[in-house]
PDB file of N, CA and C in Angstrom:
ATOM      1  N   UNK A   1     -35.149 -14.699 122.492  1.00  0.00           N
ATOM      2  CA  UNK A   1     -33.782 -14.260 122.363  1.00  0.00           C
ATOM      3  C   UNK A   1     -33.690 -13.245 121.222  1.00  0.00           C
ATOM      4  N   UNK A   2     -32.937 -12.203 121.477  1.00  0.00           N
ATOM      5  CA  UNK A   2     -32.747 -11.147 120.479  1.00  0.00           C
ATOM      6  C   UNK A   2     -31.672 -11.539 119.470  1.00  0.00           C
ATOM      7  N   UNK A   3     -31.899 -11.090 118.259  1.00  0.00           N
ATOM      8  CA  UNK A   3     -30.792 -11.167 117.329  1.00  0.00           C
ATOM      9  C   UNK A   3     -30.148  -9.773 117.283  1.00  0.00           C
ATOM     10  N   UNK A   4     -29.086  -9.642 116.595  1.00  0.00           N
ATOM     11  CA  UNK A   4     -28.322  -8.394 116.592  1.00  0.00           C
ATOM     12  C   UNK A   4     -29.148  -7.230 116.034  1.00  0.00           C
ATOM     13  N   UNK A   5     -29.914  -7.476 114.999  1.00  0.00           N
ATOM     14  CA  UNK A   5     -30.700  -6.417 114.369  1.00  0.00           C
ATOM     15  C   UNK A   5     -31.759  -5.868 115.333  1.00  0.00           C
ATOM     16  N   UNK A   6     -32.506  -6.745 116.017  1.00  0.00           N
ATOM     17  CA  UNK A   6     -33.514  -6.296 116.978  1.00  0.00           C
ATOM     18  C   UNK A   6     -32.872  -5.535 118.133  1.00  0.00           C
ATOM     19  N   UNK A   7     -31.731  -5.985 118.591  1.00  0.00           N
ATOM     20  CA  UNK A   7     -31.023  -5.313 119.682  1.00  0.00           C
ATOM     21  C   UNK A   7     -30.624  -3.892 119.284  1.00  0.00           C
ATOM     22  N   UNK A   8     -30.063  -3.733 118.094  1.00  0.00           N
ATOM     23  CA  UNK A   8     -29.636  -2.402 117.641  1.00  0.00           C
ATOM     24  C   UNK A   8     -30.839  -1.486 117.445  1.00  0.00           C
ATOM     25  N   UNK A   9     -31.929  -2.016 116.916  1.00  0.00           N
ATOM     26  CA  UNK A   9     -33.147  -1.208 116.724  1.00  0.00           C
ATOM     27  C   UNK A   9     -33.699  -0.754 118.072  1.00  0.00           C
ATOM     28  N   UNK A  10     -33.739  -1.628 119.061  1.00  0.00           N
ATOM     29  CA  UNK A  10     -34.257  -1.248 120.381  1.00  0.00           C
ATOM     30  C   UNK A  10     -33.347  -0.234 121.071  1.00  0.00           C
ATOM     31  N   UNK A  11     -32.053  -0.381 120.930  1.00  0.00           N
ATOM     32  CA  UNK A  11     -31.122   0.596 121.500  1.00  0.00           C
ATOM     33  C   UNK A  11     -31.330   1.955 120.851  1.00  0.00           C
ATOM     34  N   UNK A  12     -31.463   1.987 119.523  1.00  0.00           N
ATOM     35  CA  UNK A  12     -31.677   3.242 118.804  1.00  0.00           C
ATOM     36  C   UNK A  12     -32.991   3.892 119.219  1.00  0.00           C
ATOM     37  N   UNK A  13     -34.067   3.118 119.354  1.00  0.00           N
ATOM     38  CA  UNK A  13     -35.360   3.666 119.781  1.00  0.00           C
ATOM     39  C   UNK A  13     -35.283   4.230 121.198  1.00  0.00           C
ATOM     40  N   UNK A  14     -34.635   3.511 122.081  1.00  0.00           N
ATOM     41  CA  UNK A  14     -34.501   3.976 123.458  1.00  0.00           C
ATOM     42  C   UNK A  14     -33.679   5.260 123.528  1.00  0.00           C
ATOM     43  N   UNK A  15     -32.583   5.316 122.812  1.00  0.00           N
ATOM     44  CA  UNK A  15     -31.755   6.515 122.780  1.00  0.00           C
ATOM     45  C   UNK A  15     -32.519   7.694 122.187  1.00  0.00           C
ATOM     46  N   UNK A  16     -33.294   7.453 121.137  1.00  0.00           N
ATOM     47  CA  UNK A  16     -34.088   8.513 120.513  1.00  0.00           C
ATOM     48  C   UNK A  16     -35.143   9.042 121.477  1.00  0.00           C
ATOM     49  N   UNK A  17     -35.818   8.156 122.177  1.00  0.00           N
ATOM     50  CA  UNK A  17     -36.846   8.552 123.125  1.00  0.00           C
ATOM     51  C   UNK A  17     -36.248   9.354 124.284  1.00  0.00           C
ATOM     52  N   UNK A  18     -35.138   8.905 124.811  1.00  0.00           N
ATOM     53  CA  UNK A  18     -34.486   9.632 125.904  1.00  0.00           C
ATOM     54  C   UNK A  18     -33.979  10.995 125.448  1.00  0.00           C
ATOM     55  N   UNK A  19     -33.456  11.069 124.241  1.00  0.00           N
ATOM     56  CA  UNK A  19     -32.992  12.352 123.707  1.00  0.00           C
ATOM     57  C   UNK A  19     -34.150  13.315 123.524  1.00  0.00           C
ATOM     58  N   UNK A  20     -35.254  12.839 122.986  1.00  0.00           N
ATOM     59  CA  UNK A  20     -36.432  13.672 122.789  1.00  0.00           C
ATOM     60  C   UNK A  20     -36.980  14.165 124.124  1.00  0.00           C
ATOM     61  N   UNK A  21     -37.012  13.304 125.124  1.00  0.00           N
ATOM     62  CA  UNK A  21     -37.490  13.696 126.451  1.00  0.00           C
ATOM     63  C   UNK A  21     -36.560  14.727 127.089  1.00  0.00           C
ATOM     64  N   UNK A  22     -35.264  14.556 126.942  1.00  0.00           N
ATOM     65  CA  UNK A  22     -34.308  15.499 127.529  1.00  0.00           C
ATOM     66  C   UNK A  22     -34.402  16.864 126.847  1.00  0.00           C
ATOM     67  N   UNK A  23     -34.495  16.890 125.543  1.00  0.00           N
ATOM     68  CA  UNK A  23     -34.606  18.162 124.819  1.00  0.00           C
ATOM     69  C   UNK A  23     -35.919  18.852 125.154  1.00  0.00           C
ATOM     70  N   UNK A  24     -37.011  18.101 125.232  1.00  0.00           N
ATOM     71  CA  UNK A  24     -38.306  18.686 125.582  1.00  0.00           C
ATOM     72  C   UNK A  24     -38.282  19.260 126.993  1.00  0.00           C
ATOM     73  N   UNK A  25     -37.693  18.544 127.914  1.00  0.00           N
ATOM     74  CA  UNK A  25     -37.595  19.029 129.286  1.00  0.00           C
ATOM     75  C   UNK A  25     -36.778  20.299 129.379  1.00  0.00           C
ATOM     76  N   UNK A  26     -35.693  20.358 128.644  1.00  0.00           N
ATOM     77  CA  UNK A  26     -34.867  21.565 128.656  1.00  0.00           C
ATOM     78  C   UNK A  26     -35.627  22.756 128.081  1.00  0.00           C
ATOM     79  N   UNK A  27     -36.342  22.533 126.997  1.00  0.00           N
ATOM     80  CA  UNK A  27     -37.083  23.628 126.380  1.00  0.00           C
ATOM     81  C   UNK A  27     -38.253  24.082 127.245  1.00  0.00           C
ATOM     82  N   UNK A  28     -38.886  23.166 127.948  1.00  0.00           N
ATOM     83  CA  UNK A  28     -40.023  23.538 128.785  1.00  0.00           C
ATOM     84  C   UNK A  28     -39.610  24.168 130.103  1.00  0.00           C
ATOM     85  N   UNK A  29     -38.582  23.635 130.724  1.00  0.00           N
ATOM     86  CA  UNK A  29     -38.216  24.065 132.068  1.00  0.00           C
ATOM     87  C   UNK A  29     -36.886  24.788 132.137  1.00  0.00           C
ATOM     88  N   UNK A  30     -36.337  25.156 131.004  1.00  0.00           N
ATOM     89  CA  UNK A  30     -35.053  25.852 130.986  1.00  0.00           C
ATOM     90  C   UNK A  30     -35.154  27.215 131.640  1.00  0.00           C
ATOM     91  N   UNK A  31     -34.081  27.656 132.219  1.00  0.00           N
ATOM     92  CA  UNK A  31     -34.077  28.960 132.889  1.00  0.00           C
ATOM     93  C   UNK A  31     -33.916  30.071 131.866  1.00  0.00           C
ATOM     94  N   UNK A  32     -34.659  31.130 132.091  1.00  0.00           N
ATOM     95  CA  UNK A  32     -34.518  32.307 131.255  1.00  0.00           C
ATOM     96  C   UNK A  32     -33.552  33.251 131.960  1.00  0.00           C
ATOM     97  N   UNK A  33     -32.546  33.685 131.260  1.00  0.00           N
ATOM     98  CA  UNK A  33     -31.528  34.510 131.888  1.00  0.00           C
ATOM     99  C   UNK A  33     -31.950  35.957 132.013  1.00  0.00           C
ATOM    100  N   UNK A  34     -32.739  36.437 131.087  1.00  0.00           N
ATOM    101  CA  UNK A  34     -33.203  37.815 131.170  1.00  0.00           C
ATOM    102  C   UNK A  34     -34.703  37.836 131.040  1.00  0.00           C
ATOM    103  N   UNK A  35     -35.310  38.863 131.566  1.00  0.00           N
ATOM    104  CA  UNK A  35     -36.758  38.942 131.538  1.00  0.00           C
ATOM    105  C   UNK A  35     -37.234  39.200 130.118  1.00  0.00           C
ATOM    106  N   UNK A  36     -38.204  38.453 129.706  1.00  0.00           N
ATOM    107  CA  UNK A  36     -38.756  38.600 128.365  1.00  0.00           C
ATOM    108  C   UNK A  36     -40.272  38.576 128.458  1.00  0.00           C
ATOM    109  N   UNK A  37     -40.894  39.246 127.546  1.00  0.00           N
ATOM    110  CA  UNK A  37     -42.344  39.346 127.543  1.00  0.00           C
ATOM    111  C   UNK A  37     -42.932  38.150 126.808  1.00  0.00           C
ATOM    112  N   UNK A  38     -43.942  37.536 127.414  1.00  0.00           N
ATOM    113  CA  UNK A  38     -44.626  36.425 126.773  1.00  0.00           C
ATOM    114  C   UNK A  38     -45.596  36.914 125.703  1.00  0.00           C
ATOM    115  N   UNK A  39     -46.128  38.109 125.896  1.00  0.00           N
ATOM    116  CA  UNK A  39     -47.045  38.703 124.940  1.00  0.00           C
ATOM    117  C   UNK A  39     -46.322  39.837 124.236  1.00  0.00           C
ATOM    118  N   UNK A  40     -46.474  39.947 122.940  1.00  0.00           N
ATOM    119  CA  UNK A  40     -45.679  40.919 122.199  1.00  0.00           C
ATOM    120  C   UNK A  40     -46.085  42.361 122.507  1.00  0.00           C
ATOM    121  N   UNK A  41     -47.354  42.665 122.666  1.00  0.00           N
ATOM    122  CA  UNK A  41     -47.745  44.046 122.937  1.00  0.00           C
ATOM    123  C   UNK A  41     -49.063  44.129 123.691  1.00  0.00           C
ATOM    124  N   UNK A  42     -49.399  43.131 124.464  1.00  0.00           N
ATOM    125  CA  UNK A  42     -50.693  43.086 125.119  1.00  0.00           C
ATOM    126  C   UNK A  42     -50.503  43.208 126.629  1.00  0.00           C
ATOM    127  N   UNK A  43     -50.116  44.370 127.094  1.00  0.00           N
ATOM    128  CA  UNK A  43     -49.849  44.534 128.531  1.00  0.00           C
ATOM    129  C   UNK A  43     -51.122  44.440 129.372  1.00  0.00           C
ATOM    130  N   UNK A  44     -52.252  44.854 128.845  1.00  0.00           N
ATOM    131  CA  UNK A  44     -53.459  44.868 129.671  1.00  0.00           C
ATOM    132  C   UNK A  44     -53.944  43.469 130.016  1.00  0.00           C
ATOM    133  N   UNK A  45     -53.600  42.454 129.233  1.00  0.00           N
ATOM    134  CA  UNK A  45     -54.024  41.081 129.504  1.00  0.00           C
ATOM    135  C   UNK A  45     -52.951  40.259 130.213  1.00  0.00           C
ATOM    136  N   UNK A  46     -51.825  40.864 130.517  1.00  0.00           N
ATOM    137  CA  UNK A  46     -50.707  40.138 131.112  1.00  0.00           C
ATOM    138  C   UNK A  46     -50.937  39.951 132.605  1.00  0.00           C
ATOM    139  N   UNK A  47     -50.646  38.746 133.094  1.00  0.00           N
ATOM    140  CA  UNK A  47     -50.797  38.450 134.517  1.00  0.00           C
ATOM    141  C   UNK A  47     -49.600  38.927 135.329  1.00  0.00           C
ATOM    142  N   UNK A  48     -48.487  39.236 134.668  1.00  0.00           N
ATOM    143  CA  UNK A  48     -47.273  39.674 135.348  1.00  0.00           C
ATOM    144  C   UNK A  48     -47.141  41.195 135.348  1.00  0.00           C
ATOM    145  N   UNK A  49     -48.191  41.878 135.040  1.00  0.00           N
ATOM    146  CA  UNK A  49     -48.135  43.321 134.838  1.00  0.00           C
ATOM    147  C   UNK A  49     -47.720  44.082 136.101  1.00  0.00           C
ATOM    148  N   UNK A  50     -48.120  43.647 137.273  1.00  0.00           N
ATOM    149  CA  UNK A  50     -47.839  44.378 138.502  1.00  0.00           C
ATOM    150  C   UNK A  50     -46.357  44.449 138.836  1.00  0.00           C
ATOM    151  N   UNK A  51     -45.616  43.404 138.551  1.00  0.00           N
ATOM    152  CA  UNK A  51     -44.200  43.406 138.909  1.00  0.00           C
ATOM    153  C   UNK A  51     -43.281  43.280 137.691  1.00  0.00           C
ATOM    154  N   UNK A  52     -43.752  43.732 136.536  1.00  0.00           N
ATOM    155  CA  UNK A  52     -42.950  43.668 135.318  1.00  0.00           C
ATOM    156  C   UNK A  52     -42.017  44.874 135.260  1.00  0.00           C
ATOM    157  N   UNK A  53     -40.772  44.638 134.874  1.00  0.00           N
ATOM    158  CA  UNK A  53     -39.801  45.732 134.831  1.00  0.00           C
ATOM    159  C   UNK A  53     -39.415  46.118 133.408  1.00  0.00           C
ATOM    160  N   UNK A  54     -40.118  45.592 132.424  1.00  0.00           N
ATOM    161  CA  UNK A  54     -39.826  45.963 131.044  1.00  0.00           C
ATOM    162  C   UNK A  54     -40.313  47.386 130.762  1.00  0.00           C
ATOM    163  N   UNK A  55     -39.632  48.111 129.899  1.00  0.00           N
ATOM    164  CA  UNK A  55     -40.024  49.494 129.611  1.00  0.00           C
ATOM    165  C   UNK A  55     -41.439  49.611 129.045  1.00  0.00           C
ATOM    166  N   UNK A  56     -41.864  48.643 128.250  1.00  0.00           N
ATOM    167  CA  UNK A  56     -43.214  48.699 127.696  1.00  0.00           C
ATOM    168  C   UNK A  56     -44.265  48.611 128.792  1.00  0.00           C
ATOM    169  N   UNK A  57     -44.027  47.772 129.783  1.00  0.00           N
ATOM    170  CA  UNK A  57     -44.995  47.619 130.880  1.00  0.00           C
ATOM    171  C   UNK A  57     -45.016  48.875 131.740  1.00  0.00           C
ATOM    172  N   UNK A  58     -43.861  49.475 131.959  1.00  0.00           N
ATOM    173  CA  UNK A  58     -43.829  50.697 132.758  1.00  0.00           C
ATOM    174  C   UNK A  58     -44.558  51.829 132.032  1.00  0.00           C
ATOM    175  N   UNK A  59     -44.413  51.912 130.717  1.00  0.00           N
ATOM    176  CA  UNK A  59     -45.118  52.934 129.939  1.00  0.00           C
ATOM    177  C   UNK A  59     -46.614  52.685 129.998  1.00  0.00           C
ATOM    178  N   UNK A  60     -47.030  51.417 129.943  1.00  0.00           N
ATOM    179  CA  UNK A  60     -48.459  51.101 130.026  1.00  0.00           C
ATOM    180  C   UNK A  60     -49.007  51.430 131.413  1.00  0.00           C
ATOM    181  N   UNK A  61     -48.222  51.165 132.465  1.00  0.00           N
ATOM    182  CA  UNK A  61     -48.680  51.449 133.816  1.00  0.00           C
ATOM    183  C   UNK A  61     -48.822  52.947 134.030  1.00  0.00           C
ATOM    184  N   UNK A  62     -47.976  53.745 133.422  1.00  0.00           N
ATOM    185  CA  UNK A  62     -48.070  55.199 133.549  1.00  0.00           C
ATOM    186  C   UNK A  62     -49.297  55.731 132.820  1.00  0.00           C
ATOM    187  N   UNK A  63     -49.675  55.109 131.696  1.00  0.00           N
ATOM    188  CA  UNK A  63     -50.858  55.538 130.948  1.00  0.00           C
ATOM    189  C   UNK A  63     -52.136  55.259 131.713  1.00  0.00           C
ATOM    190  N   UNK A  64     -52.208  54.115 132.377  1.00  0.00           N
ATOM    191  CA  UNK A  64     -53.461  53.738 133.032  1.00  0.00           C
ATOM    192  C   UNK A  64     -53.470  54.042 134.495  1.00  0.00           C
TER     193      UNK A  64
END
């Protein structure tokens, strides 16, 4: 049987774990509203180079 202190501690731990999981999920799988580059200036190593619409990628594609 639980006493009040153990019950409150378990509720707090469960709420903390669920909050951490929800925030992590949002940060990992959140939608990006605008296109952003994953690499700051490395267009030649980018896997999205063929269909990238950023000005830096277009300038790199024109050079090569």
